[in-house]
Amino acid sequence: MSSLKAKSSARSGSAGPAPPAAAEIVIGTIAMMNEAGEVFVDHDFNPAGGPVRAELTAAIDAAAIGRRAALTFLGGDPMRPVVIGLLREAPTTEASPAVVVQRDEERLVLSARQEIVLQCGKASITLTRAGKVLVRGAYVSLRSSGMQRITGASVHIN
């Protein structure tokens, strides 16, 4: 049985490091996940210069994006990575924010303790724990092909 080596060398020069041997384990990064749930990784031996689709040995969710992963390659081909596991991250001393993401094919749910803010430039939507929904923007347009209803204990316009 051949020995397994872990590699995590930095990219250097234009030629880049030599491709891994078929039995080597390489440290890479989970770069992204598409809508179909396919995982894309990047690693030091990647000739594509950007993330490549990877096979998985276990389920990985969107929380793994940005994490380091142990990779091997089908036939030693760096364009055919297989994620064989995620590396444990060192515990942090600061408390991480409690954000929960639930996703299926029909719905995406983001949950947080205090508030959720979606922001792009001068526009934002804020949801607060107290039940407030704040919509701000340089221009706000509401359109409906059916009835549009505004209800509340009191409604102020201007």
N, C-alpha and C. Protein backbone atom coordinates (compact mmCIF):
# COMPACT_ATOMS: atom_id res chain seq x y z
N MET A 1 0.86 -1.19 0.00
CA MET A 1 0.00 0.00 0.00
C MET A 1 0.89 1.23 0.00
N SER A 2 0.59 2.18 -0.84
CA SER A 2 1.42 3.38 -0.90
C SER A 2 1.08 4.32 0.25
N SER A 3 2.06 5.11 0.65
CA SER A 3 1.84 6.03 1.77
C SER A 3 1.10 7.27 1.28
N LEU A 4 0.31 7.84 2.18
CA LEU A 4 -0.45 9.04 1.85
C LEU A 4 0.27 10.24 2.41
N LYS A 5 0.37 11.29 1.63
CA LYS A 5 1.02 12.52 2.06
C LYS A 5 0.02 13.65 2.01
N ALA A 6 0.08 14.53 3.00
CA ALA A 6 -0.78 15.72 2.99
C ALA A 6 0.01 16.87 2.42
N LYS A 7 -0.58 17.58 1.48
CA LYS A 7 0.09 18.73 0.87
C LYS A 7 -0.77 19.95 1.05
N SER A 8 -0.14 21.05 1.37
CA SER A 8 -0.87 22.32 1.39
C SER A 8 0.08 23.44 1.04
N SER A 9 0.90 23.24 0.02
CA SER A 9 1.87 24.25 -0.37
C SER A 9 1.18 25.39 -1.09
N ALA A 10 1.77 26.56 -0.97
CA ALA A 10 1.21 27.74 -1.64
C ALA A 10 1.56 27.70 -3.11
N ARG A 11 0.71 28.29 -3.93
CA ARG A 11 0.99 28.35 -5.36
C ARG A 11 2.21 29.23 -5.58
N SER A 12 3.09 28.79 -6.44
CA SER A 12 4.28 29.59 -6.71
C SER A 12 4.64 29.48 -8.17
N GLY A 13 5.07 30.58 -8.73
CA GLY A 13 5.50 30.60 -10.11
C GLY A 13 4.36 30.37 -11.08
N SER A 14 4.62 30.57 -12.36
CA SER A 14 3.57 30.40 -13.35
C SER A 14 3.33 28.94 -13.68
N ALA A 15 4.36 28.10 -13.57
CA ALA A 15 4.20 26.69 -13.89
C ALA A 15 3.41 25.97 -12.81
N GLY A 16 3.53 26.41 -11.57
CA GLY A 16 2.79 25.79 -10.47
C GLY A 16 3.45 24.51 -10.02
N PRO A 17 2.99 23.96 -8.92
CA PRO A 17 3.58 22.73 -8.40
C PRO A 17 3.23 21.54 -9.28
N ALA A 18 4.01 20.49 -9.14
CA ALA A 18 3.76 19.27 -9.91
C ALA A 18 2.44 18.66 -9.46
N PRO A 19 1.72 18.01 -10.38
CA PRO A 19 0.44 17.41 -10.00
C PRO A 19 0.63 16.33 -8.94
N PRO A 20 -0.39 16.11 -8.11
CA PRO A 20 -0.26 15.11 -7.05
C PRO A 20 -0.24 13.69 -7.62
N ALA A 21 0.42 12.79 -6.90
CA ALA A 21 0.38 11.38 -7.27
C ALA A 21 -1.01 10.86 -6.92
N ALA A 22 -1.41 9.77 -7.55
CA ALA A 22 -2.77 9.25 -7.38
C ALA A 22 -3.12 8.97 -5.93
N ALA A 23 -2.16 8.58 -5.10
CA ALA A 23 -2.47 8.20 -3.71
C ALA A 23 -2.29 9.35 -2.72
N GLU A 24 -1.93 10.53 -3.18
CA GLU A 24 -1.70 11.64 -2.26
C GLU A 24 -3.00 12.30 -1.82
N ILE A 25 -2.97 12.83 -0.61
CA ILE A 25 -4.07 13.64 -0.11
C ILE A 25 -3.61 15.09 -0.15
N VAL A 26 -4.45 15.95 -0.70
CA VAL A 26 -4.14 17.36 -0.87
C VAL A 26 -5.16 18.17 -0.06
N ILE A 27 -4.69 19.27 0.53
CA ILE A 27 -5.59 20.16 1.25
C ILE A 27 -6.09 21.23 0.29
N GLY A 28 -7.40 21.35 0.18
CA GLY A 28 -8.02 22.35 -0.68
C GLY A 28 -9.07 23.12 0.09
N THR A 29 -9.86 23.89 -0.62
CA THR A 29 -10.90 24.71 0.00
C THR A 29 -12.23 24.49 -0.71
N ILE A 30 -13.30 24.37 0.08
CA ILE A 30 -14.64 24.32 -0.50
C ILE A 30 -14.94 25.74 -0.97
N ALA A 31 -15.01 25.96 -2.28
CA ALA A 31 -15.15 27.30 -2.83
C ALA A 31 -16.59 27.75 -2.99
N MET A 32 -17.46 26.84 -3.42
CA MET A 32 -18.85 27.22 -3.66
C MET A 32 -19.72 26.00 -3.82
N MET A 33 -21.03 26.24 -3.84
CA MET A 33 -22.01 25.18 -4.09
C MET A 33 -23.07 25.79 -5.00
N ASN A 34 -23.41 25.09 -6.08
CA ASN A 34 -24.42 25.64 -6.98
C ASN A 34 -25.82 25.25 -6.54
N GLU A 35 -26.83 25.72 -7.29
CA GLU A 35 -28.23 25.47 -6.91
C GLU A 35 -28.58 23.99 -6.93
N ALA A 36 -27.87 23.20 -7.73
CA ALA A 36 -28.12 21.76 -7.81
C ALA A 36 -27.45 21.01 -6.66
N GLY A 37 -26.71 21.74 -5.81
CA GLY A 37 -26.03 21.10 -4.68
C GLY A 37 -24.66 20.57 -5.01
N GLU A 38 -24.16 20.84 -6.23
CA GLU A 38 -22.82 20.39 -6.59
C GLU A 38 -21.79 21.26 -5.88
N VAL A 39 -20.73 20.63 -5.40
CA VAL A 39 -19.68 21.31 -4.65
C VAL A 39 -18.49 21.58 -5.57
N PHE A 40 -17.92 22.77 -5.45
CA PHE A 40 -16.75 23.15 -6.23
C PHE A 40 -15.62 23.47 -5.26
N VAL A 41 -14.42 23.00 -5.59
CA VAL A 41 -13.27 23.19 -4.72
C VAL A 41 -12.14 23.86 -5.47
N ASP A 42 -11.20 24.40 -4.71
CA ASP A 42 -9.97 24.93 -5.29
C ASP A 42 -8.82 24.31 -4.52
N HIS A 43 -7.70 24.12 -5.19
CA HIS A 43 -6.53 23.51 -4.56
C HIS A 43 -5.28 23.96 -5.29
N ASP A 44 -4.13 23.74 -4.68
CA ASP A 44 -2.87 24.25 -5.22
C ASP A 44 -2.48 23.65 -6.57
N PHE A 45 -3.00 22.48 -6.92
CA PHE A 45 -2.62 21.81 -8.16
C PHE A 45 -3.64 22.03 -9.27
N ASN A 46 -4.58 22.93 -9.06
CA ASN A 46 -5.68 23.16 -9.97
C ASN A 46 -5.21 23.87 -11.24
N PRO A 47 -5.19 23.20 -12.39
CA PRO A 47 -4.75 23.86 -13.62
C PRO A 47 -5.81 24.80 -14.20
N ALA A 48 -7.05 24.70 -13.72
CA ALA A 48 -8.14 25.53 -14.26
C ALA A 48 -8.04 26.98 -13.79
N GLY A 49 -7.35 27.23 -12.68
CA GLY A 49 -7.23 28.59 -12.17
C GLY A 49 -8.45 29.07 -11.41
N GLY A 50 -9.46 28.25 -11.30
CA GLY A 50 -10.68 28.58 -10.55
C GLY A 50 -11.29 27.30 -10.03
N PRO A 51 -12.35 27.42 -9.25
CA PRO A 51 -12.96 26.23 -8.64
C PRO A 51 -13.40 25.20 -9.67
N VAL A 52 -13.23 23.91 -9.32
CA VAL A 52 -13.67 22.80 -10.17
C VAL A 52 -14.65 21.94 -9.39
N ARG A 53 -15.59 21.32 -10.11
CA ARG A 53 -16.60 20.48 -9.48
C ARG A 53 -15.93 19.26 -8.86
N ALA A 54 -16.39 18.90 -7.66
CA ALA A 54 -15.80 17.78 -6.93
C ALA A 54 -16.84 16.71 -6.65
N GLU A 55 -16.38 15.48 -6.58
CA GLU A 55 -17.20 14.37 -6.10
C GLU A 55 -17.13 14.39 -4.58
N LEU A 56 -18.11 13.79 -3.92
CA LEU A 56 -18.17 13.79 -2.46
C LEU A 56 -18.24 12.38 -1.92
N THR A 57 -17.64 12.15 -0.75
CA THR A 57 -17.80 10.88 -0.06
C THR A 57 -18.87 10.97 1.00
N ALA A 58 -19.30 12.18 1.34
CA ALA A 58 -20.36 12.40 2.32
C ALA A 58 -21.06 13.71 1.98
N ALA A 59 -22.25 13.90 2.50
CA ALA A 59 -23.01 15.12 2.23
C ALA A 59 -22.31 16.34 2.82
N ILE A 60 -22.34 17.43 2.08
CA ILE A 60 -21.77 18.70 2.52
C ILE A 60 -22.83 19.76 2.27
N ASP A 61 -23.04 20.65 3.23
CA ASP A 61 -24.02 21.72 3.03
C ASP A 61 -23.30 23.05 2.85
N ALA A 62 -24.08 24.11 2.63
CA ALA A 62 -23.52 25.44 2.34
C ALA A 62 -22.67 25.98 3.48
N ALA A 63 -22.84 25.47 4.69
CA ALA A 63 -22.02 25.93 5.83
C ALA A 63 -20.55 25.56 5.64
N ALA A 64 -20.26 24.62 4.74
CA ALA A 64 -18.88 24.19 4.51
C ALA A 64 -18.12 25.13 3.58
N ILE A 65 -18.80 26.06 2.93
CA ILE A 65 -18.12 26.97 2.00
C ILE A 65 -17.06 27.76 2.75
N GLY A 66 -15.85 27.77 2.20
CA GLY A 66 -14.73 28.46 2.83
C GLY A 66 -13.89 27.57 3.73
N ARG A 67 -14.38 26.38 4.05
CA ARG A 67 -13.62 25.47 4.93
C ARG A 67 -12.57 24.70 4.14
N ARG A 68 -11.53 24.29 4.85
CA ARG A 68 -10.48 23.47 4.24
C ARG A 68 -10.95 22.02 4.20
N ALA A 69 -10.57 21.33 3.13
CA ALA A 69 -11.02 19.95 2.94
C ALA A 69 -9.86 19.07 2.49
N ALA A 70 -9.93 17.80 2.87
CA ALA A 70 -8.98 16.80 2.39
C ALA A 70 -9.49 16.30 1.04
N LEU A 71 -8.62 16.34 0.03
CA LEU A 71 -8.99 15.94 -1.33
C LEU A 71 -8.09 14.82 -1.82
N THR A 72 -8.63 13.98 -2.64
CA THR A 72 -7.85 13.05 -3.44
C THR A 72 -8.37 13.20 -4.86
N PHE A 73 -7.78 12.52 -5.83
CA PHE A 73 -8.14 12.76 -7.22
C PHE A 73 -8.37 11.45 -7.95
N LEU A 74 -9.44 11.40 -8.74
CA LEU A 74 -9.72 10.21 -9.54
C LEU A 74 -8.64 10.07 -10.60
N GLY A 75 -7.95 8.95 -10.58
CA GLY A 75 -6.88 8.71 -11.55
C GLY A 75 -5.73 9.68 -11.43
N GLY A 76 -5.58 10.35 -10.29
CA GLY A 76 -4.51 11.32 -10.11
C GLY A 76 -4.72 12.61 -10.89
N ASP A 77 -5.90 12.81 -11.48
CA ASP A 77 -6.20 13.98 -12.30
C ASP A 77 -6.67 15.14 -11.42
N PRO A 78 -5.90 16.25 -11.34
CA PRO A 78 -6.28 17.38 -10.49
C PRO A 78 -7.57 18.07 -10.91
N MET A 79 -8.09 17.74 -12.09
CA MET A 79 -9.38 18.28 -12.53
C MET A 79 -10.54 17.41 -12.06
N ARG A 80 -10.24 16.29 -11.36
CA ARG A 80 -11.29 15.38 -10.89
C ARG A 80 -11.14 15.13 -9.39
N PRO A 81 -11.31 16.20 -8.56
CA PRO A 81 -11.12 16.05 -7.12
C PRO A 81 -12.28 15.30 -6.46
N VAL A 82 -11.95 14.63 -5.36
CA VAL A 82 -12.94 13.97 -4.51
C VAL A 82 -12.73 14.49 -3.10
N VAL A 83 -13.77 15.07 -2.50
CA VAL A 83 -13.69 15.55 -1.12
C VAL A 83 -13.86 14.33 -0.22
N ILE A 84 -12.80 14.01 0.54
CA ILE A 84 -12.89 12.85 1.43
C ILE A 84 -13.16 13.25 2.88
N GLY A 85 -13.15 14.55 3.15
CA GLY A 85 -13.49 15.02 4.49
C GLY A 85 -13.16 16.48 4.67
N LEU A 86 -13.77 17.08 5.69
CA LEU A 86 -13.49 18.47 6.06
C LEU A 86 -12.50 18.48 7.20
N LEU A 87 -11.58 19.44 7.21
CA LEU A 87 -10.62 19.56 8.30
C LEU A 87 -11.28 20.25 9.48
N ARG A 88 -10.95 19.80 10.67
CA ARG A 88 -11.48 20.44 11.87
C ARG A 88 -10.88 21.82 11.99
N GLU A 89 -11.72 22.76 12.38
CA GLU A 89 -11.24 24.12 12.57
C GLU A 89 -10.92 24.31 14.04
N ALA A 90 -9.90 25.10 14.31
CA ALA A 90 -9.53 25.39 15.69
C ALA A 90 -10.67 26.16 16.35
N PRO A 91 -11.00 25.82 17.59
CA PRO A 91 -12.08 26.56 18.25
C PRO A 91 -11.69 28.02 18.44
N THR A 92 -12.67 28.90 18.28
CA THR A 92 -12.41 30.33 18.45
C THR A 92 -12.85 30.75 19.84
N THR A 93 -12.20 31.77 20.36
CA THR A 93 -12.55 32.25 21.69
C THR A 93 -13.76 33.18 21.66
N GLU A 94 -13.98 33.84 20.54
CA GLU A 94 -15.13 34.72 20.45
C GLU A 94 -16.35 33.92 20.00
N ALA A 95 -17.49 34.29 20.53
CA ALA A 95 -18.72 33.58 20.19
C ALA A 95 -19.11 33.87 18.75
N SER A 96 -19.44 32.83 18.01
CA SER A 96 -19.87 33.04 16.64
C SER A 96 -21.34 33.43 16.63
N PRO A 97 -21.74 34.26 15.68
CA PRO A 97 -23.13 34.68 15.63
C PRO A 97 -24.04 33.48 15.36
N ALA A 98 -25.19 33.48 16.01
CA ALA A 98 -26.13 32.37 15.84
C ALA A 98 -26.99 32.62 14.61
N VAL A 99 -26.51 32.20 13.47
CA VAL A 99 -27.25 32.31 12.23
C VAL A 99 -27.54 30.90 11.75
N VAL A 100 -28.79 30.63 11.47
CA VAL A 100 -29.19 29.31 11.02
C VAL A 100 -29.71 29.43 9.60
N VAL A 101 -29.21 28.56 8.72
CA VAL A 101 -29.66 28.54 7.33
C VAL A 101 -30.28 27.18 7.07
N GLN A 102 -31.52 27.19 6.62
CA GLN A 102 -32.19 25.96 6.21
C GLN A 102 -32.57 26.13 4.75
N ARG A 103 -32.27 25.09 3.95
CA ARG A 103 -32.51 25.21 2.52
C ARG A 103 -33.00 23.89 1.97
N ASP A 104 -34.02 23.97 1.13
CA ASP A 104 -34.42 22.83 0.33
C ASP A 104 -34.73 23.36 -1.06
N GLU A 105 -35.32 22.55 -1.91
CA GLU A 105 -35.57 22.98 -3.29
C GLU A 105 -36.64 24.06 -3.40
N GLU A 106 -37.47 24.20 -2.39
CA GLU A 106 -38.59 25.13 -2.45
C GLU A 106 -38.36 26.42 -1.66
N ARG A 107 -37.49 26.38 -0.65
CA ARG A 107 -37.46 27.48 0.31
C ARG A 107 -36.08 27.65 0.94
N LEU A 108 -35.74 28.90 1.25
CA LEU A 108 -34.51 29.23 1.97
C LEU A 108 -34.92 30.01 3.21
N VAL A 109 -34.51 29.56 4.38
CA VAL A 109 -34.86 30.22 5.64
C VAL A 109 -33.58 30.65 6.33
N LEU A 110 -33.46 31.95 6.63
CA LEU A 110 -32.35 32.50 7.41
C LEU A 110 -32.92 32.90 8.76
N SER A 111 -32.29 32.46 9.83
CA SER A 111 -32.75 32.81 11.17
C SER A 111 -31.59 33.40 11.96
N ALA A 112 -31.87 34.43 12.75
CA ALA A 112 -30.86 35.05 13.60
C ALA A 112 -31.52 35.48 14.91
N ARG A 113 -30.70 35.72 15.93
CA ARG A 113 -31.25 36.10 17.25
C ARG A 113 -31.87 37.48 17.27
N GLN A 114 -31.21 38.48 16.70
CA GLN A 114 -31.66 39.87 16.83
C GLN A 114 -32.27 40.43 15.56
N GLU A 115 -31.52 40.38 14.45
CA GLU A 115 -32.06 40.93 13.21
C GLU A 115 -31.32 40.37 12.01
N ILE A 116 -31.99 40.45 10.88
CA ILE A 116 -31.41 40.06 9.59
C ILE A 116 -31.47 41.29 8.70
N VAL A 117 -30.37 41.61 8.06
CA VAL A 117 -30.31 42.77 7.16
C VAL A 117 -29.85 42.29 5.79
N LEU A 118 -30.63 42.58 4.76
CA LEU A 118 -30.21 42.38 3.37
C LEU A 118 -29.88 43.76 2.84
N GLN A 119 -28.66 43.94 2.33
CA GLN A 119 -28.25 45.27 1.92
C GLN A 119 -27.53 45.21 0.59
N CYS A 120 -27.83 46.19 -0.25
CA CYS A 120 -27.14 46.36 -1.52
C CYS A 120 -27.11 47.86 -1.81
N GLY A 121 -25.93 48.46 -1.75
CA GLY A 121 -25.83 49.89 -1.97
C GLY A 121 -26.67 50.68 -0.99
N LYS A 122 -27.57 51.54 -1.51
CA LYS A 122 -28.42 52.37 -0.66
C LYS A 122 -29.72 51.67 -0.25
N ALA A 123 -29.94 50.44 -0.73
CA ALA A 123 -31.18 49.73 -0.43
C ALA A 123 -30.95 48.69 0.66
N SER A 124 -31.95 48.54 1.55
CA SER A 124 -31.85 47.51 2.59
C SER A 124 -33.23 47.07 3.05
N ILE A 125 -33.30 45.84 3.51
CA ILE A 125 -34.48 45.29 4.16
C ILE A 125 -34.00 44.74 5.49
N THR A 126 -34.60 45.20 6.59
CA THR A 126 -34.21 44.76 7.93
C THR A 126 -35.40 44.08 8.59
N LEU A 127 -35.16 42.89 9.14
CA LEU A 127 -36.16 42.16 9.92
C LEU A 127 -35.65 42.13 11.35
N THR A 128 -36.46 42.58 12.31
CA THR A 128 -36.01 42.60 13.71
C THR A 128 -36.73 41.55 14.53
N ARG A 129 -36.13 41.23 15.65
CA ARG A 129 -36.71 40.26 16.58
C ARG A 129 -38.08 40.73 17.10
N ALA A 130 -38.25 42.03 17.21
CA ALA A 130 -39.50 42.60 17.72
C ALA A 130 -40.63 42.54 16.69
N GLY A 131 -40.34 42.06 15.47
CA GLY A 131 -41.38 41.94 14.45
C GLY A 131 -41.44 43.08 13.47
N LYS A 132 -40.47 43.98 13.50
CA LYS A 132 -40.45 45.11 12.57
C LYS A 132 -39.83 44.68 11.24
N VAL A 133 -40.38 45.20 10.15
CA VAL A 133 -39.82 45.03 8.82
C VAL A 133 -39.55 46.42 8.29
N LEU A 134 -38.29 46.75 8.08
CA LEU A 134 -37.90 48.08 7.63
C LEU A 134 -37.36 47.97 6.21
N VAL A 135 -37.99 48.69 5.27
CA VAL A 135 -37.55 48.70 3.88
C VAL A 135 -37.06 50.11 3.58
N ARG A 136 -35.82 50.22 3.16
CA ARG A 136 -35.24 51.53 2.87
C ARG A 136 -34.61 51.50 1.49
N GLY A 137 -34.69 52.62 0.78
CA GLY A 137 -34.06 52.69 -0.52
C GLY A 137 -34.24 54.05 -1.14
N ALA A 138 -33.41 54.37 -2.13
CA ALA A 138 -33.54 55.63 -2.85
C ALA A 138 -34.83 55.64 -3.67
N TYR A 139 -35.29 54.46 -4.08
CA TYR A 139 -36.53 54.32 -4.84
C TYR A 139 -37.15 52.99 -4.43
N VAL A 140 -38.41 53.01 -4.00
CA VAL A 140 -39.10 51.79 -3.59
C VAL A 140 -40.35 51.66 -4.44
N SER A 141 -40.52 50.53 -5.10
CA SER A 141 -41.68 50.30 -5.95
C SER A 141 -42.40 49.04 -5.49
N LEU A 142 -43.72 49.14 -5.31
CA LEU A 142 -44.55 48.00 -4.95
C LEU A 142 -45.53 47.77 -6.08
N ARG A 143 -45.54 46.57 -6.66
CA ARG A 143 -46.45 46.27 -7.76
C ARG A 143 -47.17 44.96 -7.47
N SER A 144 -48.40 44.89 -7.90
CA SER A 144 -49.18 43.68 -7.69
C SER A 144 -50.09 43.46 -8.89
N SER A 145 -50.19 42.22 -9.36
CA SER A 145 -51.13 41.93 -10.44
C SER A 145 -52.52 41.68 -9.85
N GLY A 146 -52.58 41.49 -8.55
CA GLY A 146 -53.85 41.31 -7.85
C GLY A 146 -54.03 42.43 -6.84
N MET A 147 -54.84 42.18 -5.84
CA MET A 147 -55.10 43.18 -4.82
C MET A 147 -53.83 43.45 -3.99
N GLN A 148 -53.63 44.70 -3.63
CA GLN A 148 -52.53 45.07 -2.73
C GLN A 148 -53.16 45.65 -1.48
N ARG A 149 -52.85 45.06 -0.35
CA ARG A 149 -53.51 45.46 0.90
C ARG A 149 -52.47 45.99 1.87
N ILE A 150 -52.79 47.10 2.51
CA ILE A 150 -51.97 47.66 3.58
C ILE A 150 -52.86 47.72 4.81
N THR A 151 -52.50 46.99 5.85
CA THR A 151 -53.30 47.00 7.07
C THR A 151 -52.39 47.24 8.26
N GLY A 152 -52.95 47.76 9.31
CA GLY A 152 -52.21 47.98 10.54
C GLY A 152 -53.08 48.71 11.54
N ALA A 153 -52.61 48.78 12.77
CA ALA A 153 -53.35 49.51 13.80
C ALA A 153 -53.55 50.95 13.37
N SER A 154 -52.51 51.53 12.77
CA SER A 154 -52.64 52.85 12.14
C SER A 154 -51.74 52.85 10.91
N VAL A 155 -52.18 53.51 9.86
CA VAL A 155 -51.42 53.57 8.61
C VAL A 155 -51.14 55.04 8.32
N HIS A 156 -49.87 55.40 8.21
CA HIS A 156 -49.47 56.78 7.92
C HIS A 156 -48.87 56.83 6.53
N ILE A 157 -49.36 57.71 5.69
CA ILE A 157 -48.79 57.92 4.36
C ILE A 157 -48.32 59.36 4.30
N ASN A 158 -47.03 59.54 4.11
CA ASN A 158 -46.37 60.83 4.15
C ASN A 158 -46.50 61.36 5.51
